[in-house]
Amino acid sequence: MSAMLRRLFLTALLGLCSAAALADAHSDEFFRAIRQDNDAAVRSLLARGFDPNTKDEKGTPGLVMALQEGSLRVADLLIEHPRLVPESRNAADESPLMMAALKGHTELVRRLIARDADVNKPGWAPLHYAATGGHLDIMRQLLEAHAFIDAESPNGTTPLMMAAFYGTPEAVKLLIEAGADIGMRNQKGMTALDFAQRAERQNSIELLQTALRWKLRGGAPRGQW
């Protein structure tokens, strides 16, 4: 190896060591600032080269934690950082877009989609999370970005099933009108109607029963409820 190559190698190695040392030294400070929504402290760390994609000891990336904690000033700062990896996920395979969809942060969802966050992914997907919270504007954003309306979780649960059990009648109606398959069953053999009945969501039960009747007649109407 030539002297120049050795110098380049040593320079790169020192850079990596410095970055690792910075991460180790300031990781606790980073996550403490996130929980406190202290955007000034996070901005200072990032200006010194701290990696915005750093994960805590449980594998939670900073942006996912910020969204979970409702630390929206920090979330806003991290989303705009050029080194952010939008698809950095936690140990449960939850992405920042999924967490923003669950929490109902419409504008942050828009910005994450603009940064090429994955609208579709295997297993639980952002549309499941938006439907669970009944966040209509976010559901529309995801569908407009080509979210798969009948995405299946690891056990075959769809966004419509989540809306029927946890969400709102309006979320159920939106998905039906957008073309969700009301007859799909998960691995336990349950349909969206079964989910609504188990949760005793009478309005959603009636919507799904009406949609099933229209399906038997040749297709549920859209926008004619």
Protein backbone atom coordinates (compact mmCIF):
# COMPACT_ATOMS: atom_id res chain seq x y z
CA MET A 1 0.00 0.00 0.00
CA SER A 2 1.42 3.39 -0.96
CA ALA A 3 2.01 6.13 1.57
CA MET A 4 -0.84 8.19 0.10
CA LEU A 5 -3.30 5.29 0.34
CA ARG A 6 -2.23 4.65 3.94
CA ARG A 7 -2.87 8.30 4.80
CA LEU A 8 -6.30 8.20 3.15
CA PHE A 9 -7.15 4.98 4.98
CA LEU A 10 -6.06 6.42 8.33
CA THR A 11 -8.00 9.63 7.71
CA ALA A 12 -11.16 7.66 6.93
CA LEU A 13 -10.65 5.43 9.97
CA LEU A 14 -10.17 8.42 12.24
CA GLY A 15 -13.34 9.95 10.83
CA LEU A 16 -15.31 6.83 11.62
CA CYS A 17 -13.87 6.64 15.11
CA SER A 18 -14.69 10.31 15.73
CA ALA A 19 -18.29 9.80 14.55
CA ALA A 20 -18.65 6.73 16.78
CA ALA A 21 -17.19 8.58 19.73
CA LEU A 22 -19.60 11.49 19.18
CA ALA A 23 -22.55 9.11 19.00
CA ASP A 24 -21.55 7.31 22.20
CA ALA A 25 -20.89 10.52 24.06
CA HIS A 26 -24.10 12.30 23.10
CA SER A 27 -26.70 9.57 22.51
CA ASP A 28 -28.29 10.02 25.95
CA GLU A 29 -28.33 13.79 25.44
CA PHE A 30 -30.02 13.33 22.06
CA PHE A 31 -32.85 11.16 23.35
CA ARG A 32 -33.32 13.27 26.48
CA ALA A 33 -33.70 16.34 24.27
CA ILE A 34 -36.24 14.49 22.12
CA ARG A 35 -38.38 13.58 25.12
CA GLN A 36 -38.27 17.21 26.26
CA ASP A 37 -38.97 18.47 22.71
CA ASN A 38 -35.81 20.56 23.04
CA ASP A 39 -35.18 21.37 19.40
CA ALA A 40 -32.35 23.78 20.24
CA ALA A 41 -30.34 20.99 21.91
CA VAL A 42 -30.99 18.61 19.01
CA ARG A 43 -30.03 21.30 16.49
CA SER A 44 -26.75 21.84 18.35
CA LEU A 45 -25.94 18.13 18.25
CA LEU A 46 -26.73 17.87 14.56
CA ALA A 47 -24.54 20.88 13.81
CA ARG A 48 -21.64 19.01 15.45
CA GLY A 49 -22.17 16.03 13.15
CA PHE A 50 -24.43 13.85 15.29
CA ASP A 51 -26.27 11.24 13.21
CA PRO A 52 -30.02 12.06 13.06
CA ASN A 53 -30.74 8.36 12.48
CA THR A 54 -29.26 7.24 15.82
CA LYS A 55 -31.33 4.61 17.64
CA ASP A 56 -31.68 4.18 21.41
CA GLU A 57 -30.85 0.98 23.27
CA LYS A 58 -34.25 -0.47 22.31
CA GLY A 59 -33.72 0.19 18.60
CA THR A 60 -35.98 3.23 18.36
CA PRO A 61 -34.80 5.92 15.90
CA GLY A 62 -34.94 9.52 17.06
CA LEU A 63 -37.70 10.54 14.67
CA VAL A 64 -39.95 7.63 15.64
CA MET A 65 -39.46 8.52 19.32
CA ALA A 66 -40.21 12.19 18.64
CA LEU A 67 -43.49 11.26 16.96
CA GLN A 68 -44.40 8.82 19.74
CA GLU A 69 -43.69 11.41 22.41
CA GLY A 70 -45.47 14.24 20.62
CA SER A 71 -42.19 16.19 20.38
CA LEU A 72 -43.22 17.95 17.22
CA ARG A 73 -40.56 20.68 17.20
CA VAL A 74 -37.86 18.01 17.19
CA ALA A 75 -39.78 15.91 14.65
CA ASP A 76 -40.01 18.94 12.38
CA LEU A 77 -36.26 19.51 12.67
CA LEU A 78 -35.34 15.87 12.01
CA ILE A 79 -37.61 15.52 8.97
CA GLU A 80 -35.86 18.45 7.34
CA HIS A 81 -32.34 17.19 8.03
CA PRO A 82 -30.59 16.17 4.79
CA ARG A 83 -29.00 13.09 6.38
CA LEU A 84 -32.26 11.69 7.72
CA VAL A 85 -33.16 8.21 6.45
CA PRO A 86 -37.00 8.38 6.30
CA GLU A 87 -37.34 4.60 6.51
CA SER A 88 -35.29 4.08 9.66
CA ARG A 89 -37.60 1.80 11.69
CA ASN A 90 -37.89 0.65 15.28
CA ALA A 91 -37.63 -2.92 16.56
CA ALA A 92 -41.32 -3.50 15.74
CA ASP A 93 -40.69 -2.51 12.10
CA GLU A 94 -42.61 0.74 12.55
CA SER A 95 -41.49 3.63 10.34
CA PRO A 96 -41.76 7.36 11.02
CA LEU A 97 -44.57 7.53 8.43
CA MET A 98 -46.51 4.85 10.28
CA MET A 99 -46.13 6.69 13.58
CA ALA A 100 -47.11 10.04 12.06
CA ALA A 101 -50.17 8.36 10.48
CA LEU A 102 -51.19 6.79 13.80
CA LYS A 103 -50.82 10.06 15.71
CA GLY A 104 -52.70 12.10 13.12
CA HIS A 105 -49.91 14.47 12.09
CA THR A 106 -51.24 15.33 8.64
CA GLU A 107 -48.56 17.81 7.61
CA LEU A 108 -45.71 15.58 8.79
CA VAL A 109 -47.21 12.71 6.79
CA ARG A 110 -47.19 14.93 3.71
CA ARG A 111 -43.55 15.86 4.25
CA LEU A 112 -42.46 12.29 4.85
CA ILE A 113 -44.17 11.15 1.66
CA ALA A 114 -42.40 14.00 -0.14
CA ARG A 115 -39.13 12.57 1.19
CA ASP A 116 -39.95 9.19 -0.37
CA ALA A 117 -40.99 7.40 2.80
CA ASP A 118 -42.48 4.01 1.95
CA VAL A 119 -46.25 4.27 1.62
CA ASN A 120 -46.40 0.50 1.10
CA LYS A 121 -44.41 -2.13 2.98
CA PRO A 122 -44.83 -5.81 3.88
CA GLY A 123 -46.82 -6.46 7.04
CA TRP A 124 -48.31 -3.53 8.93
CA ALA A 125 -48.41 -0.46 6.69
CA PRO A 126 -49.08 3.26 7.18
CA LEU A 127 -52.68 2.90 5.98
CA HIS A 128 -53.39 0.39 8.77
CA TYR A 129 -52.19 2.96 11.29
CA ALA A 130 -54.12 5.87 9.78
CA ALA A 131 -57.30 3.76 9.67
CA THR A 132 -56.81 2.73 13.30
CA GLY A 133 -56.82 6.37 14.34
CA GLY A 134 -59.63 7.30 11.96
CA HIS A 135 -57.51 10.06 10.41
CA LEU A 136 -59.38 10.74 7.18
CA ASP A 137 -57.10 13.35 5.65
CA ILE A 138 -54.09 11.11 6.18
CA MET A 139 -55.92 8.12 4.74
CA ARG A 140 -56.71 10.19 1.65
CA GLN A 141 -53.09 11.30 1.35
CA LEU A 142 -51.86 7.73 1.52
CA LEU A 143 -54.39 6.48 -1.01
CA GLU A 144 -53.52 9.33 -3.36
CA ALA A 145 -49.88 8.24 -3.01
CA HIS A 146 -50.94 4.74 -4.16
CA ALA A 147 -51.17 3.01 -0.80
CA PHE A 148 -52.49 -0.53 -1.29
CA ILE A 149 -56.00 -0.32 0.12
CA ASP A 150 -56.20 -4.03 1.05
CA ALA A 151 -52.72 -4.29 2.58
CA GLU A 152 -52.47 -7.32 4.85
CA SER A 153 -50.75 -7.41 8.21
CA PRO A 154 -48.77 -10.55 9.18
CA ASN A 155 -52.06 -12.20 10.19
CA GLY A 156 -54.01 -10.92 7.19
CA THR A 157 -55.73 -7.96 8.85
CA THR A 158 -56.59 -5.12 6.45
CA PRO A 159 -56.96 -1.35 7.02
CA LEU A 160 -60.75 -1.74 6.71
CA MET A 161 -60.74 -4.27 9.55
CA MET A 162 -58.70 -1.88 11.72
CA ALA A 163 -61.06 0.98 10.91
CA ALA A 164 -64.05 -1.22 11.78
CA PHE A 165 -62.63 -2.20 15.18
CA TYR A 166 -60.65 0.84 16.33
CA GLY A 167 -61.41 3.69 13.94
CA THR A 168 -64.54 5.59 13.05
CA PRO A 169 -67.57 5.02 10.80
CA GLU A 170 -66.23 7.79 8.58
CA ALA A 171 -62.97 5.86 8.12
CA VAL A 172 -64.93 2.70 7.28
CA LYS A 173 -67.04 4.63 4.76
CA LEU A 174 -63.98 6.21 3.14
CA LEU A 175 -62.33 2.83 2.59
CA ILE A 176 -65.49 1.20 1.27
CA GLU A 177 -66.04 4.04 -1.18
CA ALA A 178 -62.38 3.87 -2.23
CA GLY A 179 -62.82 0.23 -3.16
CA ALA A 180 -61.69 -1.80 -0.16
CA ASP A 181 -62.59 -5.50 -0.35
CA ILE A 182 -65.27 -5.95 2.31
CA GLY A 183 -65.23 -9.74 1.94
CA MET A 184 -61.58 -10.35 2.84
CA ARG A 185 -60.82 -12.53 5.86
CA ASN A 186 -57.77 -12.57 8.09
CA GLN A 187 -56.05 -15.74 9.28
CA LYS A 188 -58.69 -16.17 11.98
CA GLY A 189 -61.40 -16.09 9.32
CA MET A 190 -62.72 -12.69 10.40
CA THR A 191 -64.10 -10.07 7.99
CA ALA A 192 -64.35 -6.34 8.60
CA LEU A 193 -67.98 -6.87 9.62
CA ASP A 194 -66.84 -9.41 12.22
CA PHE A 195 -64.40 -6.84 13.59
CA ALA A 196 -67.12 -4.19 13.83
CA GLN A 197 -69.50 -6.61 15.55
CA ARG A 198 -66.86 -7.71 18.04
CA ALA A 199 -66.19 -4.06 18.90
CA GLU A 200 -69.94 -3.31 19.01
CA ARG A 201 -69.55 -0.42 16.56
CA GLN A 202 -73.14 -0.15 15.42
CA ASN A 203 -72.64 2.59 12.82
CA SER A 204 -69.79 0.69 11.21
CA ILE A 205 -71.82 -2.53 11.33
CA GLU A 206 -74.63 -0.85 9.42
CA LEU A 207 -72.26 0.62 6.83
CA LEU A 208 -70.65 -2.76 6.20
CA GLN A 209 -73.97 -4.59 6.05
CA THR A 210 -75.24 -2.05 3.51
CA ALA A 211 -72.09 -2.43 1.46
CA LEU A 212 -72.44 -6.21 1.50
CA ARG A 213 -76.03 -5.94 0.27
CA TRP A 214 -74.94 -3.70 -2.59
CA LYS A 215 -72.11 -6.08 -3.40
CA LEU A 216 -74.60 -8.92 -3.76
CA ARG A 217 -76.57 -6.74 -6.16
CA GLY A 218 -73.54 -6.09 -8.32
CA GLY A 219 -71.29 -3.60 -6.54
CA ALA A 220 -71.42 -1.06 -3.76
CA PRO A 221 -72.17 2.50 -4.85
CA ARG A 222 -69.54 5.17 -4.35
CA GLY A 223 -70.57 8.47 -2.81
CA GLN A 224 -74.26 7.43 -2.58
CA TRP A 225 -74.70 6.59 1.10
